[in-house]
C-alpha atoms as a PDB file:
ATOM      1  CA  MET A   1      12.565  -1.379  22.735  1.00  0.00           C
ATOM      2  CA  ALA A   2       9.970   1.276  22.692  1.00  0.00           C
ATOM      3  CA  SER A   3       8.748   2.509  19.282  1.00  0.00           C
ATOM      4  CA  ARG A   4       9.908   5.978  18.193  1.00  0.00           C
ATOM      5  CA  ASN A   5       7.407   8.736  17.674  1.00  0.00           C
ATOM      6  CA  PRO A   6       5.846   8.106  14.183  1.00  0.00           C
ATOM      7  CA  TYR A   7       6.082  11.722  13.179  1.00  0.00           C
ATOM      8  CA  GLU A   8       9.823  11.639  13.859  1.00  0.00           C
ATOM      9  CA  VAL A   9      10.240   8.321  11.929  1.00  0.00           C
ATOM     10  CA  LEU A  10       8.472   9.868   8.814  1.00  0.00           C
ATOM     11  CA  GLY A  11      10.246  13.156   9.211  1.00  0.00           C
ATOM     12  CA  VAL A  12       7.054  15.266   9.396  1.00  0.00           C
ATOM     13  CA  LYS A  13       5.658  17.657  12.011  1.00  0.00           C
ATOM     14  CA  PRO A  14       2.663  16.643  14.224  1.00  0.00           C
ATOM     15  CA  ASP A  15       0.473  19.224  12.416  1.00  0.00           C
ATOM     16  CA  ALA A  16       1.356  17.931   8.905  1.00  0.00           C
ATOM     17  CA  GLU A  17      -1.416  17.493   6.349  1.00  0.00           C
ATOM     18  CA  ASP A  18      -2.486  13.992   5.412  1.00  0.00           C
ATOM     19  CA  GLU A  19      -1.052  14.283   1.916  1.00  0.00           C
ATOM     20  CA  GLU A  20       2.295  15.470   3.245  1.00  0.00           C
ATOM     21  CA  ILE A  21       2.414  12.328   5.508  1.00  0.00           C
ATOM     22  CA  ARG A  22       1.504  10.113   2.673  1.00  0.00           C
ATOM     23  CA  ALA A  23       4.245  11.584   0.408  1.00  0.00           C
ATOM     24  CA  ALA A  24       6.792  11.250   3.016  1.00  0.00           C
ATOM     25  CA  TYR A  25       5.976   7.645   3.682  1.00  0.00           C
ATOM     26  CA  ARG A  26       6.052   6.784  -0.050  1.00  0.00           C
ATOM     27  CA  LYS A  27       9.393   8.479  -0.558  1.00  0.00           C
ATOM     28  CA  LEU A  28      11.080   6.753   2.386  1.00  0.00           C
ATOM     29  CA  ALA A  29       9.432   3.395   1.705  1.00  0.00           C
ATOM     30  CA  LYS A  30      10.799   3.308  -1.760  1.00  0.00           C
ATOM     31  CA  LYS A  31      14.282   4.322  -0.505  1.00  0.00           C
ATOM     32  CA  PHE A  32      14.406   1.559   2.136  1.00  0.00           C
ATOM     33  CA  HIS A  33      12.389  -1.182   0.366  1.00  0.00           C
ATOM     34  CA  PRO A  34      14.159  -4.532   0.856  1.00  0.00           C
ATOM     35  CA  ASP A  35      13.922  -5.287  -2.895  1.00  0.00           C
ATOM     36  CA  LEU A  36      16.141  -2.235  -3.642  1.00  0.00           C
ATOM     37  CA  ASN A  37      18.514  -2.994  -0.644  1.00  0.00           C
ATOM     38  CA  PRO A  38      19.122  -6.685  -0.857  1.00  0.00           C
ATOM     39  CA  GLY A  39      20.827  -8.116   2.158  1.00  0.00           C
ATOM     40  CA  SER A  40      20.683  -4.846   4.213  1.00  0.00           C
ATOM     41  CA  LYS A  41      19.342  -5.574   7.656  1.00  0.00           C
ATOM     42  CA  GLN A  42      19.336  -1.812   8.429  1.00  0.00           C
ATOM     43  CA  ALA A  43      17.188  -1.141   5.458  1.00  0.00           C
ATOM     44  CA  GLU A  44      14.828  -3.949   6.314  1.00  0.00           C
ATOM     45  CA  ALA A  45      14.529  -2.635   9.969  1.00  0.00           C
ATOM     46  CA  LYS A  46      13.946   1.004   8.682  1.00  0.00           C
ATOM     47  CA  PHE A  47      11.264  -0.253   6.290  1.00  0.00           C
ATOM     48  CA  LYS A  48       9.423  -2.108   9.015  1.00  0.00           C
ATOM     49  CA  GLU A  49       9.662   0.971  11.309  1.00  0.00           C
ATOM     50  CA  LEU A  50       8.185   3.123   8.540  1.00  0.00           C
ATOM     51  CA  GLY A  51       5.313   0.789   8.059  1.00  0.00           C
ATOM     52  CA  THR A  52       4.464   0.869  11.734  1.00  0.00           C
ATOM     53  CA  ALA A  53       4.682   4.713  11.920  1.00  0.00           C
ATOM     54  CA  TYR A  54       2.480   5.142   8.825  1.00  0.00           C
ATOM     55  CA  ASP A  55      -0.011   2.597  10.181  1.00  0.00           C
ATOM     56  CA  ILE A  56      -0.518   5.067  13.105  1.00  0.00           C
ATOM     57  CA  VAL A  57      -0.418   8.556  11.592  1.00  0.00           C
ATOM     58  CA  GLY A  58      -1.519   7.529   8.125  1.00  0.00           C
ATOM     59  CA  ASP A  59      -4.886   6.432   9.451  1.00  0.00           C
ATOM     60  CA  LYS A  60      -7.184   9.258  10.500  1.00  0.00           C
ATOM     61  CA  ASP A  61      -8.739   7.459  13.397  1.00  0.00           C
ATOM     62  CA  LYS A  62      -5.475   6.022  14.790  1.00  0.00           C
ATOM     63  CA  ARG A  63      -3.678   9.393  14.275  1.00  0.00           C
ATOM     64  CA  GLY A  64      -6.360  11.136  16.365  1.00  0.00           C
ATOM     65  CA  ARG A  65      -6.134   8.413  19.145  1.00  0.00           C
ATOM     66  CA  PHE A  66      -2.307   8.718  19.167  1.00  0.00           C
ATOM     67  CA  ASP A  67      -2.485  12.586  19.382  1.00  0.00           C
ATOM     68  CA  ARG A  68      -4.949  12.247  22.287  1.00  0.00           C
ATOM     69  CA  GLY A  69      -2.697   9.795  24.103  1.00  0.00           C
ATOM     70  CA  GLU A  70      -5.110   6.760  23.805  1.00  0.00           C
ATOM     71  CA  ILE A  71      -2.500   4.568  22.002  1.00  0.00           C
ATOM     72  CA  ASP A  72       1.228   4.639  21.966  1.00  0.00           C
ATOM     73  CA  ALA A  73       3.711   4.709  19.025  1.00  0.00           C
ATOM     74  CA  SER A  74       3.286   0.977  18.450  1.00  0.00           C
ATOM     75  CA  GLY A  75      -0.493   1.192  18.400  1.00  0.00           C
ATOM     76  CA  THR A  76      -0.889  -0.410  21.846  1.00  0.00           C
ATOM     77  CA  GLU A  77      -3.890   0.814  23.911  1.00  0.00           C
ATOM     78  CA  LYS A  78      -3.082   2.942  26.904  1.00  0.00           C
ATOM     79  CA  PRO A  79      -5.216   2.742  30.064  1.00  0.00           C
ATOM     80  CA  GLN A  80      -8.443   4.832  29.700  1.00  0.00           C
ATOM     81  CA  ASN A  81     -11.139   6.076  32.008  1.00  0.00           C
ATOM     82  CA  PRO A  82     -14.285   3.959  31.154  1.00  0.00           C
ATOM     83  CA  TYR A  83     -16.648   6.457  32.856  1.00  0.00           C
ATOM     84  CA  GLY A  84     -15.278   9.231  30.803  1.00  0.00           C
ATOM     85  CA  ALA A  85     -16.165   7.278  27.676  1.00  0.00           C
ATOM     86  CA  TYR A  86     -19.570   6.557  29.061  1.00  0.00           C
ATOM     87  CA  ARG A  87     -20.334  10.307  29.773  1.00  0.00           C
ATOM     88  CA  HIS A  88     -19.235  11.304  26.217  1.00  0.00           C
ATOM     89  CA  TYR A  89     -21.769   8.900  24.647  1.00  0.00           C
ATOM     90  CA  ALA A  90     -24.522   9.398  27.169  1.00  0.00           C
ATOM     91  CA  ASP A  91     -24.986  12.828  25.749  1.00  0.00           C
ATOM     92  CA  ALA A  92     -25.722  11.587  22.252  1.00  0.00           C
ATOM     93  CA  ASP A  93     -29.127  11.782  20.659  1.00  0.00           C
ATOM     94  CA  ALA A  94     -31.739   9.192  21.686  1.00  0.00           C
ATOM     95  CA  GLY A  95     -31.265   5.736  20.095  1.00  0.00           C
ATOM     96  CA  GLU A  96     -27.594   6.377  19.434  1.00  0.00           C
ATOM     97  CA  ARG A  97     -26.042   6.026  22.847  1.00  0.00           C
ATOM     98  CA  TYR A  98     -24.573   2.541  22.616  1.00  0.00           C
ATOM     99  CA  GLN A  99     -24.543   1.923  18.921  1.00  0.00           C
ATOM    100  CA  GLY A 100     -21.863   2.152  16.194  1.00  0.00           C
ATOM    101  CA  SER A 101     -18.183   1.312  16.241  1.00  0.00           C
ATOM    102  CA  GLY A 102     -17.413   4.851  17.524  1.00  0.00           C
ATOM    103  CA  PHE A 103     -17.821   3.782  21.167  1.00  0.00           C
ATOM    104  CA  ARG A 104     -14.314   2.456  21.246  1.00  0.00           C
ATOM    105  CA  GLY A 105     -13.724   3.072  24.977  1.00  0.00           C
ATOM    106  CA  ALA A 106     -16.004   0.051  25.876  1.00  0.00           C
ATOM    107  CA  GLN A 107     -14.072  -2.264  23.709  1.00  0.00           C
ATOM    108  CA  ASN A 108     -10.978  -1.821  25.928  1.00  0.00           C
ATOM    109  CA  MET A 109     -12.935  -2.660  29.163  1.00  0.00           C
ATOM    110  CA  SER A 110     -12.991  -6.103  30.743  1.00  0.00           C
ATOM    111  CA  PRO A 111     -16.434  -7.897  31.071  1.00  0.00           C
ATOM    112  CA  GLU A 112     -16.277  -7.044  34.768  1.00  0.00           C
ATOM    113  CA  ASP A 113     -15.783  -3.418  34.098  1.00  0.00           C
ATOM    114  CA  LEU A 114     -18.780  -3.446  31.844  1.00  0.00           C
ATOM    115  CA  ASP A 115     -20.924  -4.912  34.523  1.00  0.00           C
ATOM    116  CA  ASP A 116     -19.676  -2.364  37.070  1.00  0.00           C
ATOM    117  CA  LEU A 117     -20.415   0.426  34.682  1.00  0.00           C
ATOM    118  CA  PHE A 118     -24.042  -0.496  33.957  1.00  0.00           C
ATOM    119  CA  SER A 119     -24.813  -1.333  37.609  1.00  0.00           C
ATOM    120  CA  PHE A 120     -23.250   2.067  38.681  1.00  0.00           C
ATOM    121  CA  PHE A 121     -25.854   3.899  36.498  1.00  0.00           C
ATOM    122  CA  GLY A 122     -28.745   1.670  37.629  1.00  0.00           C
ATOM    123  CA  GLY A 123     -29.002  -0.356  34.466  1.00  0.00           C
ATOM    124  CA  ALA A 124     -28.827  -4.040  33.745  1.00  0.00           C
ATOM    125  CA  GLY A 125     -25.571  -5.956  33.294  1.00  0.00           C
ATOM    126  CA  ARG A 126     -24.295  -7.476  30.022  1.00  0.00           C
ATOM    127  CA  GLY A 127     -26.819 -10.183  30.283  1.00  0.00           C
ATOM    128  CA  GLY A 128     -29.639  -7.753  29.548  1.00  0.00           C
ATOM    129  CA  GLY A 129     -31.707  -8.502  32.697  1.00  0.00           C
ATOM    130  CA  GLN A 130     -33.985  -5.827  34.067  1.00  0.00           C
ATOM    131  CA  GLY A 131     -32.446  -3.848  36.965  1.00  0.00           C
ATOM    132  CA  GLY A 132     -35.751  -2.330  38.236  1.00  0.00           C
ATOM    133  CA  GLU A 133     -38.323  -0.252  36.551  1.00  0.00           C
ATOM    134  CA  GLY A 134     -37.112   0.987  33.128  1.00  0.00           C
ATOM    135  CA  GLY A 135     -34.109  -1.318  33.136  1.00  0.00           C
ATOM    136  CA  ALA A 136     -31.624  -1.050  30.361  1.00  0.00           C
ATOM    137  CA  ARG A 137     -31.686  -3.296  27.294  1.00  0.00           C
ATOM    138  CA  GLN A 138     -28.915  -5.662  26.446  1.00  0.00           C
ATOM    139  CA  PHE A 139     -25.637  -3.967  25.405  1.00  0.00           C
ATOM    140  CA  ARG A 140     -24.838  -4.928  21.829  1.00  0.00           C
ATOM    141  CA  MET A 141     -22.203  -3.344  19.591  1.00  0.00           C
ATOM    142  CA  ARG A 142     -20.383  -4.186  16.427  1.00  0.00           C
ATOM    143  CA  GLY A 143     -16.617  -4.609  16.677  1.00  0.00           C
ATOM    144  CA  GLU A 144     -14.289  -1.846  15.623  1.00  0.00           C
ATOM    145  CA  ASP A 145     -12.618  -2.010  12.173  1.00  0.00           C
ATOM    146  CA  ARG A 146      -8.822  -2.591  12.324  1.00  0.00           C
ATOM    147  CA  HIS A 147      -6.509  -0.915   9.921  1.00  0.00           C
ATOM    148  CA  TYR A 148      -3.322  -2.506   8.621  1.00  0.00           C
ATOM    149  CA  LEU A 149      -0.596  -1.809   6.005  1.00  0.00           C
ATOM    150  CA  LEU A 150       0.732  -4.358   3.594  1.00  0.00           C
ATOM    151  CA  ASN A 151       3.698  -3.825   1.233  1.00  0.00           C
ATOM    152  CA  ILE A 152       3.870  -6.077  -1.883  1.00  0.00           C
ATOM    153  CA  ASP A 153       5.918  -6.386  -5.018  1.00  0.00           C
ATOM    154  CA  PHE A 154       5.028  -4.717  -8.299  1.00  0.00           C
ATOM    155  CA  LEU A 155       4.453  -8.107 -10.192  1.00  0.00           C
ATOM    156  CA  ASP A 156       2.233  -9.373  -7.382  1.00  0.00           C
ATOM    157  CA  ALA A 157       0.004  -6.246  -7.834  1.00  0.00           C
ATOM    158  CA  ILE A 158      -0.159  -6.864 -11.613  1.00  0.00           C
ATOM    159  CA  ASN A 159      -0.696 -10.663 -11.622  1.00  0.00           C
ATOM    160  CA  GLY A 160      -2.439 -11.177  -8.291  1.00  0.00           C
ATOM    161  CA  ALA A 161      -1.080 -13.222  -5.337  1.00  0.00           C
ATOM    162  CA  GLN A 162      -1.940 -14.672  -1.980  1.00  0.00           C
ATOM    163  CA  LYS A 163      -0.100 -12.927   0.877  1.00  0.00           C
ATOM    164  CA  ARG A 164       0.066 -13.472   4.588  1.00  0.00           C
ATOM    165  CA  LEU A 165      -0.144 -10.438   6.962  1.00  0.00           C
ATOM    166  CA  ASP A 166       1.548 -10.967  10.271  1.00  0.00           C
ATOM    167  CA  LEU A 167      -0.287  -9.293  13.153  1.00  0.00           C
ATOM    168  CA  PRO A 168       0.785  -8.451  16.694  1.00  0.00           C
ATOM    169  CA  GLY A 169       0.356 -11.317  19.180  1.00  0.00           C
ATOM    170  CA  GLY A 170       1.456 -13.955  16.687  1.00  0.00           C
ATOM    171  CA  LYS A 171      -1.811 -13.864  14.631  1.00  0.00           C
ATOM    172  CA  SER A 172      -1.968 -13.524  10.873  1.00  0.00           C
ATOM    173  CA  LEU A 173      -4.394 -12.910   8.066  1.00  0.00           C
ATOM    174  CA  ASP A 174      -4.359 -14.469   4.534  1.00  0.00           C
ATOM    175  CA  VAL A 175      -4.909 -11.714   2.059  1.00  0.00           C
ATOM    176  CA  ARG A 176      -5.847 -12.309  -1.614  1.00  0.00           C
ATOM    177  CA  ILE A 177      -4.319  -9.670  -3.878  1.00  0.00           C
ATOM    178  CA  PRO A 178      -6.537  -9.198  -6.950  1.00  0.00           C
ATOM    179  CA  ALA A 179      -4.798  -8.960 -10.311  1.00  0.00           C
ATOM    180  CA  GLY A 180      -4.434  -5.330 -11.344  1.00  0.00           C
ATOM    181  CA  LEU A 181      -4.506  -3.922  -7.843  1.00  0.00           C
ATOM    182  CA  ARG A 182      -3.407  -0.217  -7.572  1.00  0.00           C
ATOM    183  CA  ASP A 183      -0.993   1.330  -5.161  1.00  0.00           C
ATOM    184  CA  GLY A 184      -2.872   2.659  -2.099  1.00  0.00           C
ATOM    185  CA  GLN A 185      -5.934   0.545  -2.702  1.00  0.00           C
ATOM    186  CA  ILE A 186      -7.679  -0.673   0.469  1.00  0.00           C
ATOM    187  CA  LEU A 187      -8.889  -4.275   0.752  1.00  0.00           C
ATOM    188  CA  ARG A 188     -11.608  -5.212   3.186  1.00  0.00           C
ATOM    189  CA  LEU A 189     -11.711  -8.552   4.952  1.00  0.00           C
ATOM    190  CA  THR A 190     -15.144  -8.890   6.371  1.00  0.00           C
ATOM    191  CA  GLY A 191     -15.436 -10.006   9.996  1.00  0.00           C
ATOM    192  CA  GLN A 192     -11.634  -9.918  10.596  1.00  0.00           C
ATOM    193  CA  GLY A 193     -11.616  -6.843  12.815  1.00  0.00           C
ATOM    194  CA  GLY A 194     -12.278  -6.380  16.519  1.00  0.00           C
ATOM    195  CA  GLU A 195     -14.693  -8.639  18.386  1.00  0.00           C
ATOM    196  CA  GLY A 196     -18.285  -7.371  18.859  1.00  0.00           C
ATOM    197  CA  LEU A 197     -19.844  -6.944  22.254  1.00  0.00           C
ATOM    198  CA  GLY A 198     -23.062  -8.470  23.673  1.00  0.00           C
ATOM    199  CA  GLY A 199     -23.283 -10.697  20.548  1.00  0.00           C
ATOM    200  CA  GLY A 200     -22.607  -7.901  18.154  1.00  0.00           C
ATOM    201  CA  PRO A 201     -20.822  -8.808  14.882  1.00  0.00           C
ATOM    202  CA  PRO A 202     -17.116  -8.399  14.527  1.00  0.00           C
ATOM    203  CA  GLY A 203     -15.660  -5.429  12.681  1.00  0.00           C
ATOM    204  CA  ASP A 204     -13.618  -5.661   9.381  1.00  0.00           C
ATOM    205  CA  ALA A 205      -9.948  -5.607   8.657  1.00  0.00           C
ATOM    206  CA  LEU A 206      -9.089  -2.766   6.330  1.00  0.00           C
ATOM    207  CA  ILE A 207      -5.820  -3.311   4.560  1.00  0.00           C
ATOM    208  CA  GLU A 208      -4.115  -0.536   2.670  1.00  0.00           C
ATOM    209  CA  VAL A 209      -1.718  -1.967   0.074  1.00  0.00           C
ATOM    210  CA  HIS A 210       1.420  -0.296  -1.088  1.00  0.00           C
ATOM    211  CA  VAL A 211       3.160  -1.505  -4.239  1.00  0.00           C
ATOM    212  CA  ALA A 212       6.998  -1.318  -4.347  1.00  0.00           C
ATOM    213  CA  PRO A 213       8.617   0.196  -7.472  1.00  0.00           C
ATOM    214  CA  HIS A 214      10.013  -2.187 -10.140  1.00  0.00           C
ATOM    215  CA  SER A 215      13.565  -1.969 -11.646  1.00  0.00           C
ATOM    216  CA  LEU A 216      12.180  -2.304 -15.191  1.00  0.00           C
ATOM    217  CA  PHE A 217       8.502  -1.534 -15.340  1.00  0.00           C
ATOM    218  CA  ARG A 218       6.420   1.603 -14.695  1.00  0.00           C
ATOM    219  CA  ARG A 219       2.662   1.577 -14.387  1.00  0.00           C
ATOM    220  CA  GLU A 220       0.468   4.264 -15.985  1.00  0.00           C
ATOM    221  CA  GLY A 221      -3.233   3.475 -15.638  1.00  0.00           C
ATOM    222  CA  ASP A 222      -3.770   0.041 -17.217  1.00  0.00           C
ATOM    223  CA  ASP A 223      -0.591   0.225 -19.241  1.00  0.00           C
ATOM    224  CA  ILE A 224       2.996  -0.732 -18.422  1.00  0.00           C
ATOM    225  CA  HIS A 225       6.002   1.233 -19.807  1.00  0.00           C
ATOM    226  CA  MET A 226       9.634   0.204 -19.960  1.00  0.00           C
ATOM    227  CA  ASP A 227      12.963   1.191 -21.617  1.00  0.00           C
ATOM    228  CA  LEU A 228      14.588  -1.572 -23.832  1.00  0.00           C
ATOM    229  CA  PRO A 229      18.361  -1.326 -24.530  1.00  0.00           C
ATOM    230  CA  VAL A 230      19.144  -2.324 -28.197  1.00  0.00           C
ATOM    231  CA  THR A 231      22.406  -2.620 -29.976  1.00  0.00           C
ATOM    232  CA  LEU A 232      23.451  -0.357 -32.848  1.00  0.00           C
ATOM    233  CA  GLY A 233      23.057  -3.206 -35.269  1.00  0.00           C
ATOM    234  CA  GLU A 234      19.586  -4.042 -34.003  1.00  0.00           C
ATOM    235  CA  ALA A 235      18.546  -0.444 -34.447  1.00  0.00           C
ATOM    236  CA  VAL A 236      19.879  -0.085 -37.991  1.00  0.00           C
ATOM    237  CA  LEU A 237      19.241  -3.470 -39.427  1.00  0.00           C
ATOM    238  CA  GLY A 238      16.129  -4.401 -37.298  1.00  0.00           C
ATOM    239  CA  GLY A 239      15.545  -7.840 -35.815  1.00  0.00           C
ATOM    240  CA  ARG A 240      13.675  -9.939 -33.296  1.00  0.00           C
ATOM    241  CA  VAL A 241      14.539  -9.616 -29.654  1.00  0.00           C
ATOM    242  CA  ALA A 242      13.310 -10.958 -26.348  1.00  0.00           C
ATOM    243  CA  VAL A 243      11.304  -8.493 -24.217  1.00  0.00           C
ATOM    244  CA  PRO A 244      10.341  -9.045 -20.506  1.00  0.00           C
ATOM    245  CA  THR A 245       6.696  -8.465 -19.565  1.00  0.00           C
ATOM    246  CA  ALA A 246       4.706  -8.753 -16.357  1.00  0.00           C
ATOM    247  CA  ASP A 247       3.791 -12.377 -17.169  1.00  0.00           C
ATOM    248  CA  GLY A 248       6.905 -13.680 -18.944  1.00  0.00           C
ATOM    249  CA  SER A 249       9.167 -12.959 -21.818  1.00  0.00           C
ATOM    250  CA  VAL A 250       7.937 -12.444 -25.404  1.00  0.00           C
ATOM    251  CA  THR A 251       9.596 -11.907 -28.781  1.00  0.00           C
ATOM    252  CA  MET A 252       9.164  -8.499 -30.456  1.00  0.00           C
ATOM    253  CA  THR A 253      10.213  -7.291 -33.846  1.00  0.00           C
ATOM    254  CA  ILE A 254      12.344  -4.168 -34.081  1.00  0.00           C
ATOM    255  CA  PRO A 255      11.868  -2.398 -37.476  1.00  0.00           C
ATOM    256  CA  ALA A 256      14.968  -1.450 -39.397  1.00  0.00           C
ATOM    257  CA  ASN A 257      16.353   2.078 -38.892  1.00  0.00           C
ATOM    258  CA  ALA A 258      14.653   2.469 -35.572  1.00  0.00           C
ATOM    259  CA  ASN A 259      15.799   5.559 -33.674  1.00  0.00           C
ATOM    260  CA  SER A 260      16.534   5.645 -29.918  1.00  0.00           C
ATOM    261  CA  GLY A 261      13.438   6.836 -28.260  1.00  0.00           C
ATOM    262  CA  ARG A 262      10.972   5.139 -30.570  1.00  0.00           C
ATOM    263  CA  THR A 263       8.191   3.457 -28.709  1.00  0.00           C
ATOM    264  CA  LEU A 264       6.658   0.081 -29.763  1.00  0.00           C
ATOM    265  CA  ARG A 265       3.443  -1.443 -28.408  1.00  0.00           C
ATOM    266  CA  LEU A 266       2.857  -4.964 -27.147  1.00  0.00           C
ATOM    267  CA  LYS A 267      -0.927  -5.287 -27.208  1.00  0.00           C
ATOM    268  CA  GLY A 268      -2.552  -6.945 -24.264  1.00  0.00           C
ATOM    269  CA  LYS A 269       0.713  -7.196 -22.122  1.00  0.00           C
ATOM    270  CA  GLY A 270      -0.240  -4.527 -19.641  1.00  0.00           C
ATOM    271  CA  VAL A 271      -2.340  -4.594 -16.442  1.00  0.00           C
ATOM    272  CA  PRO A 272      -5.438  -6.960 -16.126  1.00  0.00           C
ATOM    273  CA  LYS A 273      -8.553  -4.789 -15.964  1.00  0.00           C
ATOM    274  CA  PRO A 274     -10.617  -5.674 -12.830  1.00  0.00           C
ATOM    275  CA  GLY A 275     -14.102  -7.022 -13.588  1.00  0.00           C
ATOM    276  CA  LEU A 276     -13.275  -7.490 -17.377  1.00  0.00           C
ATOM    277  CA  ALA A 277     -12.120 -11.089 -17.660  1.00  0.00           C
ATOM    278  CA  GLY A 278      -9.296 -11.505 -20.038  1.00  0.00           C
ATOM    279  CA  GLU A 279      -8.888  -7.776 -20.847  1.00  0.00           C
ATOM    280  CA  ARG A 280      -5.620  -6.052 -20.133  1.00  0.00           C
ATOM    281  CA  GLY A 281      -3.933  -2.799 -20.964  1.00  0.00           C
ATOM    282  CA  ASP A 282      -0.839  -2.674 -23.215  1.00  0.00           C
ATOM    283  CA  GLN A 283       2.875  -2.614 -22.732  1.00  0.00           C
ATOM    284  CA  TYR A 284       4.836   0.235 -24.283  1.00  0.00           C
ATOM    285  CA  VAL A 285       8.588  -0.441 -25.055  1.00  0.00           C
ATOM    286  CA  THR A 286      10.876   2.571 -25.636  1.00  0.00           C
ATOM    287  CA  LEU A 287      14.045   1.745 -27.519  1.00  0.00           C
ATOM    288  CA  ARG A 288      17.313   3.015 -26.160  1.00  0.00           C
ATOM    289  CA  VAL A 289      20.214   2.508 -28.582  1.00  0.00           C
ATOM    290  CA  MET A 290      23.369   1.531 -26.564  1.00  0.00           C
ATOM    291  CA  LEU A 291      26.999   1.470 -27.876  1.00  0.00           C
ATOM    292  CA  PRO A 292      29.346  -1.175 -26.627  1.00  0.00           C
ATOM    293  CA  ASP A 293      30.593  -0.815 -23.037  1.00  0.00           C
ATOM    294  CA  GLN A 294      34.157  -0.992 -24.374  1.00  0.00           C
ATOM    295  CA  PRO A 295      35.306   0.962 -27.508  1.00  0.00           C
ATOM    296  CA  ASP A 296      35.016  -1.124 -30.713  1.00  0.00           C
ATOM    297  CA  ALA A 297      38.016  -0.467 -32.931  1.00  0.00           C
ATOM    298  CA  ASP A 298      36.269  -1.736 -36.179  1.00  0.00           C
ATOM    299  CA  LEU A 299      33.313   0.473 -35.448  1.00  0.00           C
ATOM    300  CA  THR A 300      35.510   3.471 -34.813  1.00  0.00           C
ATOM    301  CA  ALA A 301      37.378   2.933 -38.077  1.00  0.00           C
ATOM    302  CA  PHE A 302      34.221   2.468 -40.081  1.00  0.00           C
ATOM    303  CA  LEU A 303      32.621   5.634 -38.793  1.00  0.00           C
ATOM    304  CA  LYS A 304      35.822   7.692 -39.513  1.00  0.00           C
ATOM    305  CA  ASP A 305      35.383   6.805 -43.158  1.00  0.00           C
ATOM    306  CA  TRP A 306      31.620   6.831 -43.215  1.00  0.00           C
ATOM    307  CA  ALA A 307      30.712  10.054 -41.231  1.00  0.00           C
ATOM    308  CA  PRO A 308      32.390  12.765 -43.420  1.00  0.00           C
ATOM    309  CA  SER A 309      30.323  11.680 -46.451  1.00  0.00           C
ATOM    310  CA  HIS A 310      27.104  10.927 -44.666  1.00  0.00           C
ATOM    311  CA  GLN A 311      26.541  13.933 -42.511  1.00  0.00           C
ATOM    312  CA  TYR A 312      23.004  14.819 -41.142  1.00  0.00           C
ATOM    313  CA  ASP A 313      21.689  16.982 -38.368  1.00  0.00           C
ATOM    314  CA  PRO A 314      19.710  15.164 -35.673  1.00  0.00           C
ATOM    315  CA  ARG A 315      19.187  18.392 -33.769  1.00  0.00           C
ATOM    316  CA  SER A 316      17.605  20.380 -36.586  1.00  0.00           C
ATOM    317  CA  LYS A 317      14.182  20.246 -34.895  1.00  0.00           C
ATOM    318  CA  LEU A 318      15.511  21.804 -31.695  1.00  0.00           C
ATOM    319  CA  ARG A 319      16.094  25.163 -33.394  1.00  0.00           C
END
């Protein structure tokens, strides 16, 4: 089945700004992420469709090529006129005619097409032989960079992981996620892009990584924030409770008479700092006092006796 227009998939207009496209993708990707829609095949299919669409219009080069009709909505090349590509680059400054990954038209030609192209203009073929006086030098060009999108879980971004990125045609790339990776960060895999021409080196694979939201944790810089439900008894009397962190559960002491909204710090339980071995940010735990799900008769009876003689105004600072 043919891919839908990527602008329609993301719900933006063709003239949308890059930031608008990025914001639309993030909003929809969070909504349909498989982790937030367990077991939903429709959400999984929508999430993949969003990734394909953003891979096209979220990349400046691919977006331009799609708008010009050079690639379709799935990123597949459309037939191009090789001589048109030649004429465009033949007008460049001296020394720049056949260099750089910008000459993308030639990368879509077959070897026979390249031979025909050079012989048509009186030059040498790909082998670099002289075709008469002033024969052309060997055609040599670096392969183009390939752009991909990879979605990962929150904890994989914090702790690091090894992921496999499936590519069209049954190929795949093994991607190492460094600990502390940020949402939107681009990883470069050297030599994993398009093949070079005439002995030129291959291009690179540029992988933009998007981090899915977590049900408990929020990242702010190198710190992690979370809300921790506590009982009324724990808030009044204090105690030791188990607290989840990005690398496992730890025990934290709640001080007595701790109000809802009070924030406690777990030092060194945040995000690993790249390039600083062993150093991490902190985790901030905000207490949320929770009453029992079902009314407690004993608690109700106690408060009926206690409240009249122990009145206080928790909203005094709001005036």
